[in-house]
């Protein structure tokens, strides 16, 4: 999915908006949240795919914990 030049911060917001629009259209009573870990592909930093995925996974769970602390589940 391309962010149409809006930058990496716009992409998660667009995904979140799409998920919530779907939820409101089909499943209004469903509590749903989205957490993601976005990582730039840097071959110098991530020589192994596992390292790259582990970092993205870490960022995703960091965001998830932050949302849980804020009570940001919808």
Protein backbone atom coordinates (compact mmCIF):
# COMPACT_ATOMS: atom_id res chain seq x y z
CA UNK A 1 0.00 0.00 0.00
CA UNK A 2 1.47 3.34 -1.01
CA UNK A 3 1.10 6.40 1.18
CA UNK A 4 0.65 8.72 -1.84
CA UNK A 5 3.61 10.83 -0.75
CA UNK A 6 2.00 11.68 2.57
CA UNK A 7 4.81 10.16 4.55
CA UNK A 8 5.20 7.16 6.79
CA UNK A 9 3.08 8.67 9.57
CA UNK A 10 0.09 9.04 7.27
CA UNK A 11 0.04 5.36 6.33
CA UNK A 12 -0.88 3.99 9.78
CA UNK A 13 -3.57 6.66 10.10
CA UNK A 14 -5.06 5.68 6.73
CA UNK A 15 -5.05 2.00 7.69
CA UNK A 16 -6.64 2.76 11.07
CA UNK A 17 -9.32 4.90 9.40
CA UNK A 18 -10.11 2.14 6.90
CA UNK A 19 -10.38 -0.51 9.61
CA UNK A 20 -12.62 1.69 11.75
CA UNK A 21 -14.83 2.64 8.77
CA UNK A 22 -15.29 -1.07 8.00
CA UNK A 23 -16.02 -1.82 11.65
CA UNK A 24 -18.64 0.94 11.88
CA UNK A 25 -20.27 -0.20 8.65
CA UNK A 26 -20.45 -3.92 9.46
CA UNK A 27 -19.77 -4.50 13.17
CA UNK A 28 -20.69 -1.43 15.24
CA UNK A 29 -20.45 -3.23 18.60
CA UNK A 30 -17.07 -4.80 17.89
CA UNK A 31 -14.09 -3.43 19.83
CA UNK A 32 -11.18 -3.29 17.47
CA UNK A 33 -7.76 -1.67 17.42
CA UNK A 34 -4.80 -1.85 15.09
CA UNK A 35 -1.13 -1.87 16.07
CA UNK A 36 1.72 -1.87 13.59
CA UNK A 37 5.45 -1.68 13.51
CA UNK A 38 6.87 0.24 10.57
CA UNK A 39 10.56 -0.15 9.79
CA UNK A 40 12.59 1.36 6.98
CA UNK A 41 14.41 -1.23 4.93
CA UNK A 42 18.08 -0.58 5.58
CA UNK A 43 20.34 -3.35 4.24
CA UNK A 44 23.24 -2.02 6.32
CA UNK A 45 21.29 -2.31 9.56
CA UNK A 46 19.24 -5.43 8.83
CA UNK A 47 21.42 -8.03 7.22
CA UNK A 48 19.00 -10.83 8.12
CA UNK A 49 15.27 -10.86 7.47
CA UNK A 50 14.70 -12.17 11.00
CA UNK A 51 16.37 -9.07 12.47
CA UNK A 52 14.20 -6.79 10.35
CA UNK A 53 11.00 -8.63 11.32
CA UNK A 54 12.00 -8.77 14.99
CA UNK A 55 12.43 -4.99 15.05
CA UNK A 56 9.06 -4.42 13.34
CA UNK A 57 7.46 -6.85 15.79
CA UNK A 58 9.04 -5.02 18.73
CA UNK A 59 7.66 -1.69 17.47
CA UNK A 60 4.20 -3.19 16.97
CA UNK A 61 4.04 -4.54 20.52
CA UNK A 62 5.40 -1.25 21.86
CA UNK A 63 2.53 0.57 20.15
CA UNK A 64 0.03 -2.01 21.41
CA UNK A 65 1.19 -1.59 25.02
CA UNK A 66 1.01 2.18 24.66
CA UNK A 67 -2.59 1.95 23.44
CA UNK A 68 -3.50 -0.40 26.29
CA UNK A 69 -2.10 2.05 28.84
CA UNK A 70 -4.11 4.86 27.27
CA UNK A 71 -7.27 2.75 27.12
CA UNK A 72 -7.41 3.42 23.40
CA UNK A 73 -9.34 0.30 22.35
CA UNK A 74 -12.35 1.10 20.23
